[in-house]
Amino acid sequence: MGAKVNHQPRAAGAGDRGDKPATEVREVLNSLRQIVRSLRVSSRAAEQRVGLSGAQLFVLSCLARQSPCSVNELAARTATDQSSVSVVVSRLVALGHVRRTTSKVDRRRVDLSLTSSGRTLLESAPEAAQDRLIASLSQLPKAELKTLSRLLGKVVDAADVSEQVPSLFFEEGPALVAKGRSRND
């Protein structure tokens, strides 16, 4: 059985009949393009300068601010889900930049912390663009942030791109499907 197709009517001037998109549509797309470009440029700079993806650098910088911490705590700090962070952490552990240890407080918990090579690497790394993005979103009044979240959610749903669990920017992780759907839905 095929995936549910969301056939929503388009707003006037949004490309129906070959018309040019409305000015507001163009402005929103340009803002999204600027954000994505900034994230891509930052990720490339991290790769060239320290050999890590932008997502890996972002995770390291979050750990540098507060560690040890659990994967769930790190997911909250990176504003993403646990599975995405876990993939990035595994890569950083394999590279020797992050250490996993059993918590001294709770033996069931695994703590993550930077290794000396992770700290050294951060000293020469550029700032992660995700840090700037989170800081700028955090400066918005709560009502505006809620409105932005709601509106972007509507765009994601209407564009029919909401099935994949979002991973950290420019970090390929496992193809996870949201809402408990199987890959064959």
Foldseek 3Di string as FASTA:
>chain_A
DDDDDQDDDDDPQCQPPNHHRDPVVVVVVVVVVVLLVVQVVLQVQQCVFQNGGLVLLVLLVLQVVDDFDALCVSCVVLVADSQQSVQSVVVCVVVVQKDWDQDPVHNVTITIHGDPVVVVSNVRGDDRSSVVVVVVLVPDPPVVNVVVVVVVVVVCVNVVPQQFRDHPPPDDDDGDGPPPDDPVD
